[in-house]
Amino acid sequence: MDDFIPQLASILDEEQILPFLQHFTATMRRHPVACRHDHLRPAAVDTCFSAGTTDLGKAMAVRKSTVYRAAFEFAKLGPTVLTEDHKKLAGVSTKVRVHHLFKLAACANTDDLRAVLESNETSLLHLCGHGICTVTRRLACVNPQHTVWGTQDTNVRHTHAHSVLELATTPAEYNTVLTMIGRNPAFHGVF
């Protein structure tokens, strides 16, 4: 997300960024993601869902230009108000990961958003294990309740924990493995 938020801040006031992200993610079409754990875990767990577009083996994403154009509209910036720099943003073809947008939009307020952006924990960990999967090509989950900010090192550990969870074939095995994994604080919340 390197330059994404600063560029968004060139369009919107700081206090508008969170409401914009909430509006933008609320209007995205969502796709249910079949979860490999559905038959094992309690039904009370929120379902996995996806949004955005994907290239094979990459995260769900949306073009930055799509987000920037929506921000122009949200800020009610007409063509006469747009600067040359704004017009360049409208043509940016790189993408931003949708799970980042959903997680940022889930911040309670602007102070929480600012704290997240200033944190050293820049990787978004999928507690449900539905991150990018280059093998199965399944859609990545973007449900913000299924993700937490962390480090890349912790993300690698979570990947290993999920590979062990995939070996469970019955609810009893799944719960046993989950209990064992849960003893390590680094895996808190993994399911």
N, C-alpha and C. Protein backbone atom coordinates (compact mmCIF):
# COMPACT_ATOMS: atom_id res chain seq x y z
N MET A 1 0.84 -1.19 0.00
CA MET A 1 0.00 0.00 0.00
C MET A 1 0.88 1.25 0.00
N ASP A 2 2.13 1.07 -0.23
CA ASP A 2 3.15 2.10 -0.25
C ASP A 2 2.66 3.53 -0.47
N ASP A 3 2.27 3.85 -1.65
CA ASP A 3 1.88 5.22 -1.96
C ASP A 3 0.37 5.42 -2.00
N PHE A 4 -0.38 4.37 -1.76
CA PHE A 4 -1.83 4.44 -1.94
C PHE A 4 -2.51 5.46 -1.03
N ILE A 5 -2.27 5.36 0.28
CA ILE A 5 -2.94 6.26 1.22
C ILE A 5 -2.48 7.71 1.02
N PRO A 6 -1.18 7.99 0.85
CA PRO A 6 -0.80 9.38 0.59
C PRO A 6 -1.47 9.95 -0.67
N GLN A 7 -1.59 9.13 -1.70
CA GLN A 7 -2.26 9.61 -2.91
C GLN A 7 -3.75 9.82 -2.66
N LEU A 8 -4.35 8.94 -1.88
CA LEU A 8 -5.75 9.11 -1.52
C LEU A 8 -5.93 10.39 -0.71
N ALA A 9 -4.95 10.66 0.16
CA ALA A 9 -4.99 11.88 0.98
C ALA A 9 -4.82 13.15 0.14
N SER A 10 -4.29 13.01 -1.06
CA SER A 10 -4.20 14.18 -1.93
C SER A 10 -5.56 14.52 -2.55
N ILE A 11 -6.48 13.57 -2.47
CA ILE A 11 -7.83 13.77 -3.02
C ILE A 11 -8.81 14.12 -1.91
N LEU A 12 -8.72 13.43 -0.80
CA LEU A 12 -9.68 13.57 0.30
C LEU A 12 -9.03 14.19 1.52
N ASP A 13 -9.80 14.89 2.31
CA ASP A 13 -9.32 15.35 3.61
C ASP A 13 -9.13 14.12 4.50
N GLU A 14 -8.26 14.23 5.49
CA GLU A 14 -7.97 13.09 6.37
C GLU A 14 -9.25 12.52 6.98
N GLU A 15 -10.17 13.38 7.36
CA GLU A 15 -11.41 12.92 7.99
C GLU A 15 -12.35 12.25 6.99
N GLN A 16 -12.10 12.41 5.70
CA GLN A 16 -12.96 11.79 4.68
C GLN A 16 -12.47 10.40 4.28
N ILE A 17 -11.22 10.06 4.57
CA ILE A 17 -10.65 8.80 4.07
C ILE A 17 -11.41 7.59 4.61
N LEU A 18 -11.63 7.52 5.92
CA LEU A 18 -12.31 6.36 6.49
C LEU A 18 -13.75 6.25 5.97
N PRO A 19 -14.56 7.33 6.00
CA PRO A 19 -15.91 7.20 5.44
C PRO A 19 -15.90 6.79 3.96
N PHE A 20 -14.91 7.29 3.21
CA PHE A 20 -14.82 6.90 1.81
C PHE A 20 -14.53 5.40 1.69
N LEU A 21 -13.55 4.90 2.44
CA LEU A 21 -13.22 3.48 2.37
C LEU A 21 -14.41 2.61 2.77
N GLN A 22 -15.15 3.06 3.78
CA GLN A 22 -16.34 2.32 4.21
C GLN A 22 -17.39 2.31 3.10
N HIS A 23 -17.59 3.46 2.46
CA HIS A 23 -18.55 3.55 1.36
C HIS A 23 -18.09 2.68 0.18
N PHE A 24 -16.83 2.80 -0.17
CA PHE A 24 -16.31 2.07 -1.34
C PHE A 24 -16.43 0.57 -1.15
N THR A 25 -16.02 0.04 0.01
CA THR A 25 -16.09 -1.40 0.23
C THR A 25 -17.53 -1.89 0.35
N ALA A 26 -18.41 -1.04 0.89
CA ALA A 26 -19.82 -1.43 1.02
C ALA A 26 -20.49 -1.59 -0.35
N THR A 27 -19.98 -0.89 -1.34
CA THR A 27 -20.59 -0.96 -2.68
C THR A 27 -19.96 -2.02 -3.56
N MET A 28 -18.91 -2.68 -3.09
CA MET A 28 -18.27 -3.72 -3.91
C MET A 28 -19.11 -4.99 -3.90
N ARG A 29 -19.20 -5.63 -5.05
CA ARG A 29 -19.92 -6.90 -5.15
C ARG A 29 -19.11 -7.98 -4.45
N ARG A 30 -19.78 -8.74 -3.59
CA ARG A 30 -19.11 -9.77 -2.80
C ARG A 30 -19.44 -11.15 -3.35
N HIS A 31 -18.46 -12.02 -3.26
CA HIS A 31 -18.61 -13.40 -3.73
C HIS A 31 -18.35 -14.33 -2.55
N PRO A 32 -19.24 -15.29 -2.29
CA PRO A 32 -18.97 -16.24 -1.20
C PRO A 32 -17.74 -17.09 -1.56
N VAL A 33 -16.96 -17.43 -0.56
CA VAL A 33 -15.79 -18.28 -0.76
C VAL A 33 -16.06 -19.58 -0.01
N ALA A 34 -16.02 -20.68 -0.73
CA ALA A 34 -16.21 -21.98 -0.09
C ALA A 34 -15.02 -22.23 0.83
N CYS A 35 -15.31 -22.38 2.09
CA CYS A 35 -14.26 -22.53 3.08
C CYS A 35 -13.97 -24.00 3.33
N ARG A 36 -12.71 -24.34 3.32
CA ARG A 36 -12.32 -25.73 3.55
C ARG A 36 -12.66 -26.18 4.97
N HIS A 37 -12.97 -25.22 5.85
CA HIS A 37 -13.25 -25.55 7.24
C HIS A 37 -14.74 -25.60 7.55
N ASP A 38 -15.59 -25.23 6.60
CA ASP A 38 -17.02 -25.11 6.88
C ASP A 38 -17.62 -26.34 7.55
N HIS A 39 -17.25 -27.52 7.12
CA HIS A 39 -17.84 -28.73 7.69
C HIS A 39 -17.23 -29.10 9.03
N LEU A 40 -16.18 -28.38 9.44
CA LEU A 40 -15.49 -28.71 10.68
C LEU A 40 -15.71 -27.71 11.80
N ARG A 41 -15.82 -26.47 11.46
CA ARG A 41 -15.87 -25.43 12.50
C ARG A 41 -17.32 -25.06 12.85
N PRO A 42 -17.50 -24.39 13.98
CA PRO A 42 -18.85 -24.00 14.40
C PRO A 42 -19.51 -23.08 13.37
N ALA A 43 -20.79 -23.20 13.23
CA ALA A 43 -21.53 -22.39 12.26
C ALA A 43 -21.55 -20.92 12.64
N ALA A 44 -21.22 -20.60 13.87
CA ALA A 44 -21.27 -19.21 14.33
C ALA A 44 -20.18 -18.35 13.69
N VAL A 45 -19.17 -18.95 13.11
CA VAL A 45 -18.09 -18.18 12.49
C VAL A 45 -18.61 -17.51 11.22
N ASP A 46 -18.30 -16.23 11.07
CA ASP A 46 -18.71 -15.51 9.86
C ASP A 46 -18.13 -16.20 8.63
N THR A 47 -18.86 -16.16 7.55
CA THR A 47 -18.41 -16.82 6.34
C THR A 47 -17.33 -16.01 5.64
N CYS A 48 -16.55 -16.72 4.87
CA CYS A 48 -15.53 -16.07 4.05
C CYS A 48 -16.22 -15.48 2.82
N PHE A 49 -15.75 -14.31 2.39
CA PHE A 49 -16.24 -13.74 1.14
C PHE A 49 -15.10 -13.02 0.45
N SER A 50 -15.29 -12.82 -0.83
CA SER A 50 -14.27 -12.19 -1.64
C SER A 50 -14.89 -11.04 -2.42
N ALA A 51 -14.06 -10.17 -2.93
CA ALA A 51 -14.51 -9.04 -3.75
C ALA A 51 -13.34 -8.60 -4.61
N GLY A 52 -13.64 -7.90 -5.67
CA GLY A 52 -12.58 -7.42 -6.55
C GLY A 52 -12.29 -8.41 -7.65
N THR A 53 -11.17 -8.22 -8.31
CA THR A 53 -10.76 -9.09 -9.40
C THR A 53 -9.48 -9.80 -9.01
N THR A 54 -9.21 -10.88 -9.70
CA THR A 54 -7.98 -11.61 -9.40
C THR A 54 -7.28 -12.02 -10.68
N ASP A 55 -5.98 -12.02 -10.61
CA ASP A 55 -5.16 -12.64 -11.62
C ASP A 55 -4.72 -13.95 -10.98
N LEU A 56 -4.56 -15.00 -11.77
CA LEU A 56 -4.22 -16.29 -11.18
C LEU A 56 -3.03 -16.18 -10.26
N GLY A 57 -3.18 -16.72 -9.06
CA GLY A 57 -2.09 -16.76 -8.10
C GLY A 57 -1.80 -15.44 -7.42
N LYS A 58 -2.68 -14.47 -7.57
CA LYS A 58 -2.48 -13.17 -6.91
C LYS A 58 -3.68 -12.86 -6.03
N ALA A 59 -3.50 -11.87 -5.18
CA ALA A 59 -4.56 -11.48 -4.25
C ALA A 59 -5.71 -10.79 -4.99
N MET A 60 -6.88 -10.82 -4.36
CA MET A 60 -8.02 -10.07 -4.87
C MET A 60 -7.61 -8.61 -4.86
N ALA A 61 -7.88 -7.92 -5.96
CA ALA A 61 -7.39 -6.55 -6.07
C ALA A 61 -8.36 -5.70 -6.86
N VAL A 62 -8.14 -4.41 -6.78
CA VAL A 62 -8.90 -3.44 -7.57
C VAL A 62 -7.88 -2.40 -8.05
N ARG A 63 -8.09 -1.92 -9.26
CA ARG A 63 -7.17 -0.92 -9.79
C ARG A 63 -7.23 0.34 -8.93
N LYS A 64 -6.05 0.88 -8.65
CA LYS A 64 -5.98 2.11 -7.87
C LYS A 64 -6.76 3.22 -8.56
N SER A 65 -6.70 3.25 -9.89
CA SER A 65 -7.42 4.30 -10.63
C SER A 65 -8.92 4.23 -10.36
N THR A 66 -9.45 3.02 -10.19
CA THR A 66 -10.88 2.86 -9.88
C THR A 66 -11.19 3.48 -8.52
N VAL A 67 -10.31 3.24 -7.56
CA VAL A 67 -10.50 3.79 -6.22
C VAL A 67 -10.36 5.31 -6.26
N TYR A 68 -9.34 5.79 -6.95
CA TYR A 68 -9.12 7.25 -7.02
C TYR A 68 -10.29 7.96 -7.69
N ARG A 69 -10.80 7.37 -8.78
CA ARG A 69 -11.95 8.01 -9.46
C ARG A 69 -13.17 8.04 -8.53
N ALA A 70 -13.37 6.96 -7.76
CA ALA A 70 -14.47 6.93 -6.79
C ALA A 70 -14.24 7.99 -5.71
N ALA A 71 -12.98 8.20 -5.33
CA ALA A 71 -12.67 9.23 -4.32
C ALA A 71 -12.96 10.62 -4.86
N PHE A 72 -12.65 10.86 -6.14
CA PHE A 72 -12.97 12.16 -6.75
C PHE A 72 -14.47 12.41 -6.66
N GLU A 73 -15.25 11.37 -7.00
CA GLU A 73 -16.71 11.48 -6.96
C GLU A 73 -17.20 11.69 -5.53
N PHE A 74 -16.63 10.92 -4.59
CA PHE A 74 -17.00 11.02 -3.18
C PHE A 74 -16.74 12.43 -2.65
N ALA A 75 -15.61 13.00 -3.05
CA ALA A 75 -15.24 14.35 -2.60
C ALA A 75 -15.93 15.43 -3.41
N LYS A 76 -16.71 14.99 -4.40
CA LYS A 76 -17.44 15.91 -5.28
C LYS A 76 -16.48 16.87 -6.01
N LEU A 77 -15.36 16.28 -6.46
CA LEU A 77 -14.40 17.07 -7.24
C LEU A 77 -14.78 16.95 -8.71
N GLY A 78 -15.24 18.00 -9.26
CA GLY A 78 -15.59 18.02 -10.67
C GLY A 78 -14.35 18.18 -11.54
N PRO A 79 -14.49 18.02 -12.85
CA PRO A 79 -13.35 18.10 -13.76
C PRO A 79 -12.60 19.44 -13.67
N THR A 80 -13.30 20.51 -13.33
CA THR A 80 -12.63 21.82 -13.28
C THR A 80 -11.76 21.96 -12.04
N VAL A 81 -11.98 21.12 -11.02
CA VAL A 81 -11.22 21.21 -9.78
C VAL A 81 -9.99 20.29 -9.80
N LEU A 82 -10.01 19.28 -10.67
CA LEU A 82 -8.92 18.31 -10.69
C LEU A 82 -7.62 18.93 -11.18
N THR A 83 -6.56 18.65 -10.44
CA THR A 83 -5.23 19.12 -10.84
C THR A 83 -4.63 18.12 -11.84
N GLU A 84 -3.51 18.48 -12.43
CA GLU A 84 -2.83 17.57 -13.34
C GLU A 84 -2.42 16.29 -12.61
N ASP A 85 -1.98 16.43 -11.34
CA ASP A 85 -1.62 15.24 -10.55
C ASP A 85 -2.83 14.34 -10.32
N HIS A 86 -3.98 14.94 -10.08
CA HIS A 86 -5.21 14.15 -9.91
C HIS A 86 -5.53 13.40 -11.19
N LYS A 87 -5.38 14.07 -12.31
CA LYS A 87 -5.69 13.43 -13.60
C LYS A 87 -4.76 12.25 -13.85
N LYS A 88 -3.50 12.36 -13.42
CA LYS A 88 -2.57 11.24 -13.56
C LYS A 88 -3.01 10.05 -12.70
N LEU A 89 -3.51 10.33 -11.50
CA LEU A 89 -3.98 9.26 -10.62
C LEU A 89 -5.13 8.49 -11.24
N ALA A 90 -5.97 9.18 -12.00
CA ALA A 90 -7.13 8.54 -12.62
C ALA A 90 -6.71 7.52 -13.67
N GLY A 91 -5.44 7.53 -14.07
CA GLY A 91 -4.96 6.58 -15.06
C GLY A 91 -4.03 5.51 -14.50
N VAL A 92 -3.84 5.48 -13.20
CA VAL A 92 -2.93 4.50 -12.60
C VAL A 92 -3.49 3.09 -12.79
N SER A 93 -2.67 2.20 -13.32
CA SER A 93 -3.17 0.85 -13.60
C SER A 93 -2.73 -0.19 -12.57
N THR A 94 -1.86 0.18 -11.62
CA THR A 94 -1.50 -0.78 -10.58
C THR A 94 -2.69 -1.02 -9.67
N LYS A 95 -2.60 -2.07 -8.89
CA LYS A 95 -3.75 -2.46 -8.07
C LYS A 95 -3.43 -2.37 -6.59
N VAL A 96 -4.49 -2.30 -5.79
CA VAL A 96 -4.39 -2.36 -4.33
C VAL A 96 -5.18 -3.60 -3.91
N ARG A 97 -4.66 -4.30 -2.93
CA ARG A 97 -5.32 -5.53 -2.47
C ARG A 97 -6.62 -5.19 -1.74
N VAL A 98 -7.65 -5.90 -2.11
CA VAL A 98 -8.98 -5.63 -1.57
C VAL A 98 -9.06 -5.93 -0.07
N HIS A 99 -8.35 -6.97 0.39
CA HIS A 99 -8.43 -7.28 1.84
C HIS A 99 -7.85 -6.13 2.65
N HIS A 100 -6.90 -5.38 2.10
CA HIS A 100 -6.39 -4.20 2.79
C HIS A 100 -7.48 -3.12 2.87
N LEU A 101 -8.19 -2.91 1.77
CA LEU A 101 -9.27 -1.90 1.76
C LEU A 101 -10.34 -2.25 2.80
N PHE A 102 -10.75 -3.51 2.83
CA PHE A 102 -11.79 -3.93 3.78
C PHE A 102 -11.31 -3.79 5.22
N LYS A 103 -10.05 -4.14 5.48
CA LYS A 103 -9.54 -4.04 6.85
C LYS A 103 -9.42 -2.58 7.28
N LEU A 104 -8.93 -1.72 6.40
CA LEU A 104 -8.84 -0.29 6.72
C LEU A 104 -10.23 0.29 6.94
N ALA A 105 -11.19 -0.13 6.12
CA ALA A 105 -12.56 0.38 6.24
C ALA A 105 -13.21 -0.07 7.55
N ALA A 106 -12.70 -1.15 8.14
CA ALA A 106 -13.26 -1.65 9.40
C ALA A 106 -12.74 -0.90 10.63
N CYS A 107 -11.82 0.03 10.45
CA CYS A 107 -11.33 0.82 11.58
C CYS A 107 -12.50 1.58 12.21
N ALA A 108 -12.46 1.71 13.52
CA ALA A 108 -13.56 2.35 14.25
C ALA A 108 -13.64 3.85 14.00
N ASN A 109 -12.48 4.47 13.82
CA ASN A 109 -12.46 5.93 13.62
C ASN A 109 -11.14 6.34 12.96
N THR A 110 -11.00 7.62 12.68
CA THR A 110 -9.80 8.11 12.00
C THR A 110 -8.54 7.89 12.82
N ASP A 111 -8.63 7.98 14.15
CA ASP A 111 -7.45 7.74 14.98
C ASP A 111 -6.98 6.29 14.86
N ASP A 112 -7.93 5.34 14.83
CA ASP A 112 -7.57 3.93 14.64
C ASP A 112 -6.93 3.72 13.28
N LEU A 113 -7.48 4.35 12.26
CA LEU A 113 -6.92 4.26 10.91
C LEU A 113 -5.50 4.79 10.89
N ARG A 114 -5.27 5.94 11.51
CA ARG A 114 -3.94 6.54 11.56
C ARG A 114 -2.97 5.60 12.30
N ALA A 115 -3.41 5.00 13.39
CA ALA A 115 -2.55 4.08 14.15
C ALA A 115 -2.15 2.87 13.30
N VAL A 116 -3.10 2.34 12.54
CA VAL A 116 -2.79 1.20 11.67
C VAL A 116 -1.76 1.62 10.62
N LEU A 117 -1.95 2.77 10.03
CA LEU A 117 -1.05 3.22 8.97
C LEU A 117 0.35 3.54 9.48
N GLU A 118 0.45 3.90 10.75
CA GLU A 118 1.76 4.23 11.33
C GLU A 118 2.43 3.01 11.97
N SER A 119 1.75 1.89 12.03
CA SER A 119 2.26 0.68 12.68
C SER A 119 3.35 0.01 11.83
N ASN A 120 4.19 -0.77 12.50
CA ASN A 120 5.20 -1.57 11.80
C ASN A 120 4.63 -2.89 11.31
N GLU A 121 3.43 -3.22 11.76
CA GLU A 121 2.80 -4.46 11.34
C GLU A 121 2.03 -4.19 10.05
N THR A 122 2.68 -4.50 8.93
CA THR A 122 2.12 -4.12 7.64
C THR A 122 1.57 -5.29 6.84
N SER A 123 1.77 -6.51 7.31
CA SER A 123 1.20 -7.67 6.62
C SER A 123 -0.19 -7.92 7.16
N LEU A 124 -1.07 -8.35 6.29
CA LEU A 124 -2.43 -8.67 6.71
C LEU A 124 -2.56 -10.19 6.72
N LEU A 125 -2.76 -10.74 7.91
CA LEU A 125 -2.80 -12.18 8.11
C LEU A 125 -4.23 -12.69 8.03
N HIS A 126 -4.43 -13.76 7.28
CA HIS A 126 -5.75 -14.36 7.14
C HIS A 126 -5.92 -15.44 8.21
N LEU A 127 -6.69 -15.14 9.23
CA LEU A 127 -6.92 -16.11 10.31
C LEU A 127 -7.64 -17.35 9.79
N CYS A 128 -8.44 -17.17 8.75
CA CYS A 128 -9.20 -18.28 8.18
C CYS A 128 -8.37 -19.11 7.21
N GLY A 129 -7.17 -18.65 6.90
CA GLY A 129 -6.32 -19.40 5.99
C GLY A 129 -6.63 -19.18 4.53
N HIS A 130 -7.46 -18.21 4.22
CA HIS A 130 -7.83 -17.95 2.83
C HIS A 130 -7.11 -16.75 2.26
N GLY A 131 -5.81 -16.79 2.31
CA GLY A 131 -5.03 -15.76 1.63
C GLY A 131 -4.87 -16.17 0.19
N ILE A 132 -3.80 -15.72 -0.42
CA ILE A 132 -3.53 -16.08 -1.80
C ILE A 132 -3.17 -17.56 -1.85
N CYS A 133 -3.77 -18.29 -2.74
CA CYS A 133 -3.43 -19.71 -2.90
C CYS A 133 -3.08 -19.95 -4.35
N THR A 134 -1.79 -20.12 -4.63
CA THR A 134 -1.36 -20.32 -6.01
C THR A 134 -1.60 -21.75 -6.48
N VAL A 135 -1.86 -22.67 -5.56
CA VAL A 135 -2.07 -24.05 -5.93
C VAL A 135 -3.52 -24.29 -6.35
N THR A 136 -4.47 -23.92 -5.49
CA THR A 136 -5.88 -24.20 -5.78
C THR A 136 -6.56 -23.09 -6.56
N ARG A 137 -5.94 -21.94 -6.65
CA ARG A 137 -6.50 -20.78 -7.36
C ARG A 137 -7.82 -20.31 -6.76
N ARG A 138 -8.04 -20.66 -5.49
CA ARG A 138 -9.29 -20.24 -4.86
C ARG A 138 -9.25 -18.73 -4.57
N LEU A 139 -10.41 -18.15 -4.44
CA LEU A 139 -10.50 -16.73 -4.14
C LEU A 139 -10.04 -16.47 -2.72
N ALA A 140 -9.38 -15.35 -2.53
CA ALA A 140 -8.91 -14.98 -1.19
C ALA A 140 -10.04 -14.30 -0.43
N CYS A 141 -10.13 -14.60 0.86
CA CYS A 141 -11.13 -13.99 1.72
C CYS A 141 -10.75 -12.55 2.02
N VAL A 142 -11.73 -11.66 1.99
CA VAL A 142 -11.50 -10.26 2.32
C VAL A 142 -12.33 -9.82 3.53
N ASN A 143 -12.96 -10.77 4.21
CA ASN A 143 -13.76 -10.46 5.39
C ASN A 143 -12.83 -9.86 6.45
N PRO A 144 -13.04 -8.59 6.85
CA PRO A 144 -12.12 -7.96 7.80
C PRO A 144 -12.12 -8.62 9.17
N GLN A 145 -13.17 -9.38 9.50
CA GLN A 145 -13.19 -10.10 10.78
C GLN A 145 -12.30 -11.33 10.74
N HIS A 146 -11.83 -11.69 9.56
CA HIS A 146 -10.97 -12.86 9.40
C HIS A 146 -9.50 -12.47 9.24
N THR A 147 -9.18 -11.20 9.37
CA THR A 147 -7.81 -10.75 9.17
C THR A 147 -7.32 -9.91 10.35
N VAL A 148 -6.01 -9.96 10.56
CA VAL A 148 -5.36 -9.13 11.58
C VAL A 148 -4.05 -8.61 11.00
N TRP A 149 -3.63 -7.45 11.47
CA TRP A 149 -2.34 -6.90 11.06
C TRP A 149 -1.25 -7.63 11.81
N GLY A 150 -0.15 -7.91 11.15
CA GLY A 150 0.97 -8.57 11.78
C GLY A 150 2.22 -8.41 10.93
N THR A 151 3.20 -9.22 11.24
CA THR A 151 4.46 -9.18 10.51
C THR A 151 4.50 -10.30 9.47
N GLN A 152 5.39 -10.19 8.52
CA GLN A 152 5.53 -11.23 7.51
C GLN A 152 5.97 -12.55 8.16
N ASP A 153 6.81 -12.47 9.19
CA ASP A 153 7.25 -13.66 9.91
C ASP A 153 6.06 -14.40 10.53
N THR A 154 5.17 -13.67 11.15
CA THR A 154 3.97 -14.28 11.74
C THR A 154 3.08 -14.85 10.65
N ASN A 155 3.02 -14.18 9.52
CA ASN A 155 2.22 -14.66 8.39
C ASN A 155 2.72 -16.03 7.92
N VAL A 156 4.02 -16.20 7.86
CA VAL A 156 4.60 -17.48 7.47
C VAL A 156 4.22 -18.56 8.48
N ARG A 157 4.29 -18.22 9.77
CA ARG A 157 3.90 -19.19 10.81
C ARG A 157 2.42 -19.56 10.70
N HIS A 158 1.58 -18.58 10.41
CA HIS A 158 0.15 -18.86 10.24
C HIS A 158 -0.07 -19.81 9.07
N THR A 159 0.68 -19.62 8.00
CA THR A 159 0.56 -20.50 6.83
C THR A 159 0.85 -21.94 7.23
N HIS A 160 1.89 -22.14 8.04
CA HIS A 160 2.21 -23.49 8.50
C HIS A 160 1.09 -24.04 9.39
N ALA A 161 0.53 -23.21 10.26
CA ALA A 161 -0.58 -23.66 11.12
C ALA A 161 -1.78 -24.09 10.28
N HIS A 162 -2.08 -23.34 9.24
CA HIS A 162 -3.21 -23.69 8.38
C HIS A 162 -2.95 -24.98 7.60
N SER A 163 -1.69 -25.22 7.24
CA SER A 163 -1.39 -26.46 6.53
C SER A 163 -1.62 -27.66 7.44
N VAL A 164 -1.38 -27.50 8.74
CA VAL A 164 -1.65 -28.58 9.70
C VAL A 164 -3.16 -28.74 9.87
N LEU A 165 -3.88 -27.63 9.96
CA LEU A 165 -5.34 -27.69 10.10
C LEU A 165 -5.99 -28.40 8.91
N GLU A 166 -5.39 -28.25 7.74
CA GLU A 166 -5.95 -28.90 6.54
C GLU A 166 -5.92 -30.42 6.63
N LEU A 167 -5.09 -30.96 7.50
CA LEU A 167 -4.99 -32.41 7.66
C LEU A 167 -6.16 -33.00 8.43
N ALA A 168 -6.88 -32.16 9.18
CA ALA A 168 -8.02 -32.64 9.98
C ALA A 168 -9.14 -33.11 9.06
N THR A 169 -9.71 -34.26 9.40
CA THR A 169 -10.80 -34.80 8.57
C THR A 169 -12.13 -34.88 9.31
N THR A 170 -12.10 -34.67 10.63
CA THR A 170 -13.33 -34.71 11.41
C THR A 170 -13.37 -33.46 12.30
N PRO A 171 -14.55 -33.07 12.75
CA PRO A 171 -14.62 -31.93 13.67
C PRO A 171 -13.78 -32.15 14.93
N ALA A 172 -13.73 -33.37 15.43
CA ALA A 172 -12.94 -33.65 16.64
C ALA A 172 -11.44 -33.42 16.37
N GLU A 173 -10.95 -33.90 15.23
CA GLU A 173 -9.54 -33.68 14.88
C GLU A 173 -9.26 -32.19 14.71
N TYR A 174 -10.16 -31.52 14.01
CA TYR A 174 -10.00 -30.09 13.76
C TYR A 174 -9.90 -29.33 15.09
N ASN A 175 -10.82 -29.62 16.01
CA ASN A 175 -10.82 -28.94 17.31
C ASN A 175 -9.59 -29.27 18.13
N THR A 176 -9.10 -30.51 18.04
CA THR A 176 -7.88 -30.90 18.76
C THR A 176 -6.69 -30.12 18.23
N VAL A 177 -6.54 -30.09 16.91
CA VAL A 177 -5.42 -29.36 16.29
C VAL A 177 -5.54 -27.88 16.61
N LEU A 178 -6.73 -27.34 16.53
CA LEU A 178 -6.95 -25.93 16.82
C LEU A 178 -6.57 -25.59 18.26
N THR A 179 -6.92 -26.47 19.19
CA THR A 179 -6.56 -26.28 20.60
C THR A 179 -5.05 -26.29 20.77
N MET A 180 -4.38 -27.21 20.10
CA MET A 180 -2.92 -27.28 20.20
C MET A 180 -2.26 -26.04 19.60
N ILE A 181 -2.72 -25.65 18.45
CA ILE A 181 -2.16 -24.46 17.80
C ILE A 181 -2.42 -23.23 18.65
N GLY A 182 -3.60 -23.16 19.24
CA GLY A 182 -4.00 -22.01 20.04
C GLY A 182 -3.17 -21.79 21.30
N ARG A 183 -2.40 -22.78 21.69
CA ARG A 183 -1.54 -22.63 22.87
C ARG A 183 -0.40 -21.64 22.62
N ASN A 184 -0.07 -21.44 21.36
CA ASN A 184 1.00 -20.52 21.00
C ASN A 184 0.36 -19.14 20.74
N PRO A 185 0.77 -18.11 21.47
CA PRO A 185 0.17 -16.78 21.30
C PRO A 185 0.27 -16.25 19.87
N ALA A 186 1.27 -16.69 19.11
CA ALA A 186 1.42 -16.22 17.73
C ALA A 186 0.27 -16.68 16.85
N PHE A 187 -0.45 -17.72 17.29
CA PHE A 187 -1.55 -18.26 16.49
C PHE A 187 -2.92 -17.89 17.04
N HIS A 188 -2.98 -16.92 17.94
CA HIS A 188 -4.25 -16.53 18.53
C HIS A 188 -5.23 -16.11 17.43
N GLY A 189 -6.39 -16.71 17.43
CA GLY A 189 -7.42 -16.37 16.46
C GLY A 189 -7.43 -17.19 15.20
N VAL A 190 -6.39 -17.98 14.95
CA VAL A 190 -6.34 -18.82 13.75
C VAL A 190 -7.47 -19.83 13.81
N PHE A 191 -8.14 -20.02 12.68
CA PHE A 191 -9.17 -21.08 12.59
C PHE A 191 -9.16 -21.67 11.21
